[in-house]
Amino acid sequence: MSIPFIILMAVFLVGCIALVGAILLQKKRSAGGVGSIAGMGNVTDTYWDKNKRRSAEGTLELWTKLGAVILGILAVVLCLI
């Protein structure tokens, strides 16, 4: 094993642990598919849901998605090394 591979693997493992932590910190969505099945339509049309991107929860969700994409790319790179 080469030194760059070991460094990338360590970064990957730390990133995976951080991603799991970020996912566990997010708020649960309890009205997911039940509202659409019951005919309630879009029940999450409140002020807070429209401005979610500016809140800490929205920022955490954005960083979680970005981290998942970066870890996916890093996993492909590690497979090619």
PDB file of N, CA and C in Angstrom:
ATOM      1  N   MET A   1       0.830  -1.179   0.000  1.00  0.00           N
ATOM      2  CA  MET A   1       0.000   0.000   0.000  1.00  0.00           C
ATOM      3  C   MET A   1       0.878   1.247   0.000  1.00  0.00           C
ATOM      4  N   SER A   2       0.435   2.214  -0.761  1.00  0.00           N
ATOM      5  CA  SER A   2       1.203   3.443  -0.856  1.00  0.00           C
ATOM      6  C   SER A   2       0.726   4.457   0.187  1.00  0.00           C
ATOM      7  N   ILE A   3       1.535   5.444   0.424  1.00  0.00           N
ATOM      8  CA  ILE A   3       1.215   6.484   1.411  1.00  0.00           C
ATOM      9  C   ILE A   3      -0.021   7.292   1.009  1.00  0.00           C
ATOM     10  N   PRO A   4      -0.171   7.711  -0.277  1.00  0.00           N
ATOM     11  CA  PRO A   4      -1.392   8.451  -0.649  1.00  0.00           C
ATOM     12  C   PRO A   4      -2.666   7.630  -0.424  1.00  0.00           C
ATOM     13  N   PHE A   5      -2.589   6.332  -0.671  1.00  0.00           N
ATOM     14  CA  PHE A   5      -3.759   5.479  -0.447  1.00  0.00           C
ATOM     15  C   PHE A   5      -4.138   5.448   1.026  1.00  0.00           C
ATOM     16  N   ILE A   6      -3.155   5.345   1.895  1.00  0.00           N
ATOM     17  CA  ILE A   6      -3.425   5.294   3.333  1.00  0.00           C
ATOM     18  C   ILE A   6      -4.011   6.621   3.812  1.00  0.00           C
ATOM     19  N   ILE A   7      -3.485   7.731   3.299  1.00  0.00           N
ATOM     20  CA  ILE A   7      -4.006   9.052   3.682  1.00  0.00           C
ATOM     21  C   ILE A   7      -5.441   9.219   3.197  1.00  0.00           C
ATOM     22  N   LEU A   8      -5.708   8.843   1.935  1.00  0.00           N
ATOM     23  CA  LEU A   8      -7.071   8.950   1.405  1.00  0.00           C
ATOM     24  C   LEU A   8      -8.041   8.038   2.151  1.00  0.00           C
ATOM     25  N   MET A   9      -7.582   6.865   2.541  1.00  0.00           N
ATOM     26  CA  MET A   9      -8.439   5.948   3.294  1.00  0.00           C
ATOM     27  C   MET A   9      -8.766   6.522   4.669  1.00  0.00           C
ATOM     28  N   ALA A  10      -7.794   7.158   5.315  1.00  0.00           N
ATOM     29  CA  ALA A  10      -8.042   7.782   6.617  1.00  0.00           C
ATOM     30  C   ALA A  10      -9.041   8.931   6.479  1.00  0.00           C
ATOM     31  N   VAL A  11      -8.874   9.743   5.436  1.00  0.00           N
ATOM     32  CA  VAL A  11      -9.825  10.841   5.181  1.00  0.00           C
ATOM     33  C   VAL A  11     -11.216  10.281   4.912  1.00  0.00           C
ATOM     34  N   PHE A  12     -11.280   9.188   4.163  1.00  0.00           N
ATOM     35  CA  PHE A  12     -12.557   8.551   3.850  1.00  0.00           C
ATOM     36  C   PHE A  12     -13.251   8.045   5.112  1.00  0.00           C
ATOM     37  N   LEU A  13     -12.517   7.401   5.993  1.00  0.00           N
ATOM     38  CA  LEU A  13     -13.110   6.868   7.219  1.00  0.00           C
ATOM     39  C   LEU A  13     -13.604   7.984   8.137  1.00  0.00           C
ATOM     40  N   VAL A  14     -12.813   9.043   8.274  1.00  0.00           N
ATOM     41  CA  VAL A  14     -13.247  10.184   9.094  1.00  0.00           C
ATOM     42  C   VAL A  14     -14.477  10.839   8.474  1.00  0.00           C
ATOM     43  N   GLY A  15     -14.491  10.957   7.142  1.00  0.00           N
ATOM     44  CA  GLY A  15     -15.647  11.526   6.451  1.00  0.00           C
ATOM     45  C   GLY A  15     -16.900  10.683   6.630  1.00  0.00           C
ATOM     46  N   CYS A  16     -16.753   9.371   6.606  1.00  0.00           N
ATOM     47  CA  CYS A  16     -17.901   8.482   6.812  1.00  0.00           C
ATOM     48  C   CYS A  16     -18.482   8.646   8.210  1.00  0.00           C
ATOM     49  N   ILE A  17     -17.613   8.731   9.199  1.00  0.00           N
ATOM     50  CA  ILE A  17     -18.087   8.916  10.577  1.00  0.00           C
ATOM     51  C   ILE A  17     -18.772  10.271  10.726  1.00  0.00           C
ATOM     52  N   ALA A  18     -18.210  11.312  10.106  1.00  0.00           N
ATOM     53  CA  ALA A  18     -18.817  12.644  10.158  1.00  0.00           C
ATOM     54  C   ALA A  18     -20.163  12.662   9.445  1.00  0.00           C
ATOM     55  N   LEU A  19     -20.274  11.945   8.325  1.00  0.00           N
ATOM     56  CA  LEU A  19     -21.538  11.899   7.593  1.00  0.00           C
ATOM     57  C   LEU A  19     -22.620  11.183   8.398  1.00  0.00           C
ATOM     58  N   VAL A  20     -22.266  10.111   9.063  1.00  0.00           N
ATOM     59  CA  VAL A  20     -23.230   9.405   9.919  1.00  0.00           C
ATOM     60  C   VAL A  20     -23.704  10.332  11.038  1.00  0.00           C
ATOM     61  N   GLY A  21     -22.774  11.073  11.637  1.00  0.00           N
ATOM     62  CA  GLY A  21     -23.143  12.021  12.680  1.00  0.00           C
ATOM     63  C   GLY A  21     -24.068  13.113  12.165  1.00  0.00           C
ATOM     64  N   ALA A  22     -23.783  13.635  10.964  1.00  0.00           N
ATOM     65  CA  ALA A  22     -24.628  14.682  10.381  1.00  0.00           C
ATOM     66  C   ALA A  22     -26.027  14.156  10.074  1.00  0.00           C
ATOM     67  N   ILE A  23     -26.111  12.923   9.630  1.00  0.00           N
ATOM     68  CA  ILE A  23     -27.422  12.335   9.337  1.00  0.00           C
ATOM     69  C   ILE A  23     -28.216  12.141  10.626  1.00  0.00           C
ATOM     70  N   LEU A  24     -27.548  11.703  11.674  1.00  0.00           N
ATOM     71  CA  LEU A  24     -28.243  11.488  12.947  1.00  0.00           C
ATOM     72  C   LEU A  24     -28.681  12.799  13.600  1.00  0.00           C
ATOM     73  N   LEU A  25     -28.030  13.901  13.287  1.00  0.00           N
ATOM     74  CA  LEU A  25     -28.404  15.191  13.857  1.00  0.00           C
ATOM     75  C   LEU A  25     -29.629  15.815  13.188  1.00  0.00           C
ATOM     76  N   GLN A  26     -29.991  15.316  12.015  1.00  0.00           N
ATOM     77  CA  GLN A  26     -31.104  15.920  11.284  1.00  0.00           C
ATOM     78  C   GLN A  26     -32.441  15.552  11.905  1.00  0.00           C
ATOM     79  N   LYS A  27     -33.409  16.426  11.671  1.00  0.00           N
ATOM     80  CA  LYS A  27     -34.755  16.250  12.206  1.00  0.00           C
ATOM     81  C   LYS A  27     -35.490  15.168  11.411  1.00  0.00           C
ATOM     82  N   LYS A  28     -36.272  14.371  12.108  1.00  0.00           N
ATOM     83  CA  LYS A  28     -37.055  13.330  11.453  1.00  0.00           C
ATOM     84  C   LYS A  28     -38.223  13.960  10.720  1.00  0.00           C
ATOM     85  N   ARG A  29     -38.605  13.357   9.622  1.00  0.00           N
ATOM     86  CA  ARG A  29     -39.775  13.821   8.866  1.00  0.00           C
ATOM     87  C   ARG A  29     -40.879  12.800   9.059  1.00  0.00           C
ATOM     88  N   SER A  30     -41.825  13.125   9.893  1.00  0.00           N
ATOM     89  CA  SER A  30     -42.850  12.147  10.243  1.00  0.00           C
ATOM     90  C   SER A  30     -44.009  12.122   9.262  1.00  0.00           C
ATOM     91  N   ALA A  31     -44.265  13.206   8.529  1.00  0.00           N
ATOM     92  CA  ALA A  31     -45.429  13.264   7.639  1.00  0.00           C
ATOM     93  C   ALA A  31     -45.041  12.957   6.204  1.00  0.00           C
ATOM     94  N   GLY A  32     -44.025  12.155   5.987  1.00  0.00           N
ATOM     95  CA  GLY A  32     -43.501  11.878   4.662  1.00  0.00           C
ATOM     96  C   GLY A  32     -44.524  11.478   3.629  1.00  0.00           C
ATOM     97  N   GLY A  33     -44.750  10.223   3.428  1.00  0.00           N
ATOM     98  CA  GLY A  33     -45.665   9.763   2.398  1.00  0.00           C
ATOM     99  C   GLY A  33     -47.089   9.626   2.875  1.00  0.00           C
ATOM    100  N   VAL A  34     -47.322   9.712   4.161  1.00  0.00           N
ATOM    101  CA  VAL A  34     -48.669   9.537   4.703  1.00  0.00           C
ATOM    102  C   VAL A  34     -49.579  10.661   4.247  1.00  0.00           C
ATOM    103  N   GLY A  35     -49.072  11.895   4.198  1.00  0.00           N
ATOM    104  CA  GLY A  35     -49.895  13.032   3.794  1.00  0.00           C
ATOM    105  C   GLY A  35     -50.351  12.923   2.358  1.00  0.00           C
ATOM    106  N   SER A  36     -49.502  12.434   1.483  1.00  0.00           N
ATOM    107  CA  SER A  36     -49.892  12.318   0.081  1.00  0.00           C
ATOM    108  C   SER A  36     -50.851  11.151  -0.135  1.00  0.00           C
ATOM    109  N   ILE A  37     -50.729  10.105   0.665  1.00  0.00           N
ATOM    110  CA  ILE A  37     -51.640   8.965   0.539  1.00  0.00           C
ATOM    111  C   ILE A  37     -53.025   9.341   1.057  1.00  0.00           C
ATOM    112  N   ALA A  38     -53.072  10.110   2.144  1.00  0.00           N
ATOM    113  CA  ALA A  38     -54.345  10.479   2.736  1.00  0.00           C
ATOM    114  C   ALA A  38     -55.035  11.609   1.972  1.00  0.00           C
ATOM    115  N   GLY A  39     -54.389  12.154   0.948  1.00  0.00           N
ATOM    116  CA  GLY A  39     -55.015  13.201   0.158  1.00  0.00           C
ATOM    117  C   GLY A  39     -54.819  14.593   0.722  1.00  0.00           C
ATOM    118  N   MET A  40     -53.871  14.753   1.627  1.00  0.00           N
ATOM    119  CA  MET A  40     -53.660  16.060   2.223  1.00  0.00           C
ATOM    120  C   MET A  40     -52.793  16.948   1.343  1.00  0.00           C
ATOM    121  N   GLY A  41     -52.180  16.411   0.316  1.00  0.00           N
ATOM    122  CA  GLY A  41     -51.338  17.205  -0.566  1.00  0.00           C
ATOM    123  C   GLY A  41     -50.049  17.606   0.103  1.00  0.00           C
ATOM    124  N   ASN A  42     -49.608  18.817  -0.165  1.00  0.00           N
ATOM    125  CA  ASN A  42     -48.352  19.310   0.396  1.00  0.00           C
ATOM    126  C   ASN A  42     -48.646  19.992   1.720  1.00  0.00           C
ATOM    127  N   VAL A  43     -48.433  19.299   2.824  1.00  0.00           N
ATOM    128  CA  VAL A  43     -48.729  19.846   4.146  1.00  0.00           C
ATOM    129  C   VAL A  43     -47.555  20.616   4.730  1.00  0.00           C
ATOM    130  N   THR A  44     -46.420  20.632   4.045  1.00  0.00           N
ATOM    131  CA  THR A  44     -45.248  21.336   4.553  1.00  0.00           C
ATOM    132  C   THR A  44     -45.065  22.660   3.825  1.00  0.00           C
ATOM    133  N   ASP A  45     -46.115  23.458   3.749  1.00  0.00           N
ATOM    134  CA  ASP A  45     -46.070  24.724   3.043  1.00  0.00           C
ATOM    135  C   ASP A  45     -46.055  25.889   4.027  1.00  0.00           C
ATOM    136  N   THR A  46     -45.295  25.755   5.096  1.00  0.00           N
ATOM    137  CA  THR A  46     -45.251  26.800   6.100  1.00  0.00           C
ATOM    138  C   THR A  46     -44.099  27.754   5.822  1.00  0.00           C
ATOM    139  N   TYR A  47     -44.035  28.822   6.587  1.00  0.00           N
ATOM    140  CA  TYR A  47     -42.964  29.810   6.446  1.00  0.00           C
ATOM    141  C   TYR A  47     -41.603  29.179   6.696  1.00  0.00           C
ATOM    142  N   TRP A  48     -41.517  28.339   7.721  1.00  0.00           N
ATOM    143  CA  TRP A  48     -40.231  27.746   8.081  1.00  0.00           C
ATOM    144  C   TRP A  48     -39.750  26.771   7.025  1.00  0.00           C
ATOM    145  N   ASP A  49     -40.665  26.068   6.376  1.00  0.00           N
ATOM    146  CA  ASP A  49     -40.266  25.134   5.330  1.00  0.00           C
ATOM    147  C   ASP A  49     -39.830  25.856   4.065  1.00  0.00           C
ATOM    148  N   LYS A  50     -40.429  27.019   3.789  1.00  0.00           N
ATOM    149  CA  LYS A  50     -40.038  27.778   2.606  1.00  0.00           C
ATOM    150  C   LYS A  50     -38.666  28.426   2.792  1.00  0.00           C
ATOM    151  N   ASN A  51     -38.324  28.806   4.017  1.00  0.00           N
ATOM    152  CA  ASN A  51     -37.053  29.467   4.303  1.00  0.00           C
ATOM    153  C   ASN A  51     -36.079  28.540   5.003  1.00  0.00           C
ATOM    154  N   LYS A  52     -36.191  27.271   4.737  1.00  0.00           N
ATOM    155  CA  LYS A  52     -35.392  26.267   5.423  1.00  0.00           C
ATOM    156  C   LYS A  52     -33.907  26.394   5.100  1.00  0.00           C
ATOM    157  N   ARG A  53     -33.578  26.837   3.902  1.00  0.00           N
ATOM    158  CA  ARG A  53     -32.177  26.918   3.480  1.00  0.00           C
ATOM    159  C   ARG A  53     -31.380  27.869   4.380  1.00  0.00           C
ATOM    160  N   ARG A  54     -32.032  28.886   4.922  1.00  0.00           N
ATOM    161  CA  ARG A  54     -31.337  29.876   5.740  1.00  0.00           C
ATOM    162  C   ARG A  54     -31.162  29.438   7.187  1.00  0.00           C
ATOM    163  N   SER A  55     -31.821  28.378   7.590  1.00  0.00           N
ATOM    164  CA  SER A  55     -31.747  27.937   8.979  1.00  0.00           C
ATOM    165  C   SER A  55     -30.566  26.982   9.174  1.00  0.00           C
ATOM    166  N   ALA A  56     -30.294  26.665  10.422  1.00  0.00           N
ATOM    167  CA  ALA A  56     -29.216  25.723  10.736  1.00  0.00           C
ATOM    168  C   ALA A  56     -29.555  24.331  10.208  1.00  0.00           C
ATOM    169  N   GLU A  57     -30.829  23.969  10.259  1.00  0.00           N
ATOM    170  CA  GLU A  57     -31.254  22.657   9.761  1.00  0.00           C
ATOM    171  C   GLU A  57     -31.048  22.548   8.250  1.00  0.00           C
ATOM    172  N   GLY A  58     -31.358  23.625   7.535  1.00  0.00           N
ATOM    173  CA  GLY A  58     -31.150  23.632   6.088  1.00  0.00           C
ATOM    174  C   GLY A  58     -29.686  23.576   5.720  1.00  0.00           C
ATOM    175  N   THR A  59     -28.866  24.274   6.498  1.00  0.00           N
ATOM    176  CA  THR A  59     -27.427  24.245   6.261  1.00  0.00           C
ATOM    177  C   THR A  59     -26.869  22.853   6.518  1.00  0.00           C
ATOM    178  N   LEU A  60     -27.330  22.206   7.580  1.00  0.00           N
ATOM    179  CA  LEU A  60     -26.884  20.853   7.883  1.00  0.00           C
ATOM    180  C   LEU A  60     -27.286  19.886   6.772  1.00  0.00           C
ATOM    181  N   GLU A  61     -28.491  20.053   6.232  1.00  0.00           N
ATOM    182  CA  GLU A  61     -28.951  19.201   5.145  1.00  0.00           C
ATOM    183  C   GLU A  61     -28.104  19.419   3.893  1.00  0.00           C
ATOM    184  N   LEU A  62     -27.763  20.665   3.611  1.00  0.00           N
ATOM    185  CA  LEU A  62     -26.921  20.964   2.455  1.00  0.00           C
ATOM    186  C   LEU A  62     -25.538  20.352   2.600  1.00  0.00           C
ATOM    187  N   TRP A  63     -24.935  20.502   3.774  1.00  0.00           N
ATOM    188  CA  TRP A  63     -23.610  19.929   4.006  1.00  0.00           C
ATOM    189  C   TRP A  63     -23.638  18.403   3.995  1.00  0.00           C
ATOM    190  N   THR A  64     -24.749  17.814   4.415  1.00  0.00           N
ATOM    191  CA  THR A  64     -24.875  16.355   4.372  1.00  0.00           C
ATOM    192  C   THR A  64     -24.884  15.864   2.929  1.00  0.00           C
ATOM    193  N   LYS A  65     -25.644  16.538   2.081  1.00  0.00           N
ATOM    194  CA  LYS A  65     -25.689  16.152   0.663  1.00  0.00           C
ATOM    195  C   LYS A  65     -24.332  16.348   0.005  1.00  0.00           C
ATOM    196  N   LEU A  66     -23.688  17.470   0.291  1.00  0.00           N
ATOM    197  CA  LEU A  66     -22.377  17.738  -0.281  1.00  0.00           C
ATOM    198  C   LEU A  66     -21.343  16.723   0.198  1.00  0.00           C
ATOM    199  N   GLY A  67     -21.394  16.383   1.472  1.00  0.00           N
ATOM    200  CA  GLY A  67     -20.477  15.383   2.016  1.00  0.00           C
ATOM    201  C   GLY A  67     -20.686  14.012   1.403  1.00  0.00           C
ATOM    202  N   ALA A  68     -21.937  13.655   1.151  1.00  0.00           N
ATOM    203  CA  ALA A  68     -22.227  12.355   0.540  1.00  0.00           C
ATOM    204  C   ALA A  68     -21.678  12.291  -0.882  1.00  0.00           C
ATOM    205  N   VAL A  69     -21.810  13.379  -1.620  1.00  0.00           N
ATOM    206  CA  VAL A  69     -21.283  13.406  -2.992  1.00  0.00           C
ATOM    207  C   VAL A  69     -19.753  13.311  -2.972  1.00  0.00           C
ATOM    208  N   ILE A  70     -19.121  14.070  -2.080  1.00  0.00           N
ATOM    209  CA  ILE A  70     -17.660  14.036  -1.995  1.00  0.00           C
ATOM    210  C   ILE A  70     -17.168  12.654  -1.581  1.00  0.00           C
ATOM    211  N   LEU A  71     -17.845  12.021  -0.625  1.00  0.00           N
ATOM    212  CA  LEU A  71     -17.442  10.671  -0.208  1.00  0.00           C
ATOM    213  C   LEU A  71     -17.661   9.653  -1.325  1.00  0.00           C
ATOM    214  N   GLY A  72     -18.705   9.839  -2.119  1.00  0.00           N
ATOM    215  CA  GLY A  72     -18.919   8.947  -3.259  1.00  0.00           C
ATOM    216  C   GLY A  72     -17.803   9.060  -4.281  1.00  0.00           C
ATOM    217  N   ILE A  73     -17.391  10.289  -4.565  1.00  0.00           N
ATOM    218  CA  ILE A  73     -16.283  10.504  -5.500  1.00  0.00           C
ATOM    219  C   ILE A  73     -14.988   9.937  -4.932  1.00  0.00           C
ATOM    220  N   LEU A  74     -14.771  10.155  -3.638  1.00  0.00           N
ATOM    221  CA  LEU A  74     -13.563   9.626  -2.991  1.00  0.00           C
ATOM    222  C   LEU A  74     -13.559   8.097  -2.997  1.00  0.00           C
ATOM    223  N   ALA A  75     -14.719   7.483  -2.856  1.00  0.00           N
ATOM    224  CA  ALA A  75     -14.787   6.012  -2.912  1.00  0.00           C
ATOM    225  C   ALA A  75     -14.400   5.494  -4.291  1.00  0.00           C
ATOM    226  N   VAL A  76     -14.833   6.189  -5.338  1.00  0.00           N
ATOM    227  CA  VAL A  76     -14.460   5.783  -6.691  1.00  0.00           C
ATOM    228  C   VAL A  76     -12.951   5.949  -6.899  1.00  0.00           C
ATOM    229  N   VAL A  77     -12.414   7.048  -6.413  1.00  0.00           N
ATOM    230  CA  VAL A  77     -10.968   7.282  -6.532  1.00  0.00           C
ATOM    231  C   VAL A  77     -10.187   6.190  -5.799  1.00  0.00           C
ATOM    232  N   LEU A  78     -10.640   5.831  -4.602  1.00  0.00           N
ATOM    233  CA  LEU A  78      -9.958   4.778  -3.851  1.00  0.00           C
ATOM    234  C   LEU A  78     -10.026   3.435  -4.560  1.00  0.00           C
ATOM    235  N   CYS A  79     -11.112   3.170  -5.263  1.00  0.00           N
ATOM    236  CA  CYS A  79     -11.214   1.919  -6.013  1.00  0.00           C
ATOM    237  C   CYS A  79     -10.260   1.889  -7.195  1.00  0.00           C
ATOM    238  N   LEU A  80     -10.015   3.056  -7.754  1.00  0.00           N
ATOM    239  CA  LEU A  80      -9.135   3.110  -8.936  1.00  0.00           C
ATOM    240  C   LEU A  80      -7.660   3.083  -8.566  1.00  0.00           C
ATOM    241  N   ILE A  81      -7.326   3.407  -7.324  1.00  0.00           N
ATOM    242  CA  ILE A  81      -5.910   3.402  -6.901  1.00  0.00           C
ATOM    243  C   ILE A  81      -5.454   1.977  -6.649  1.00  0.00           C
TER     244      ILE A  81
END
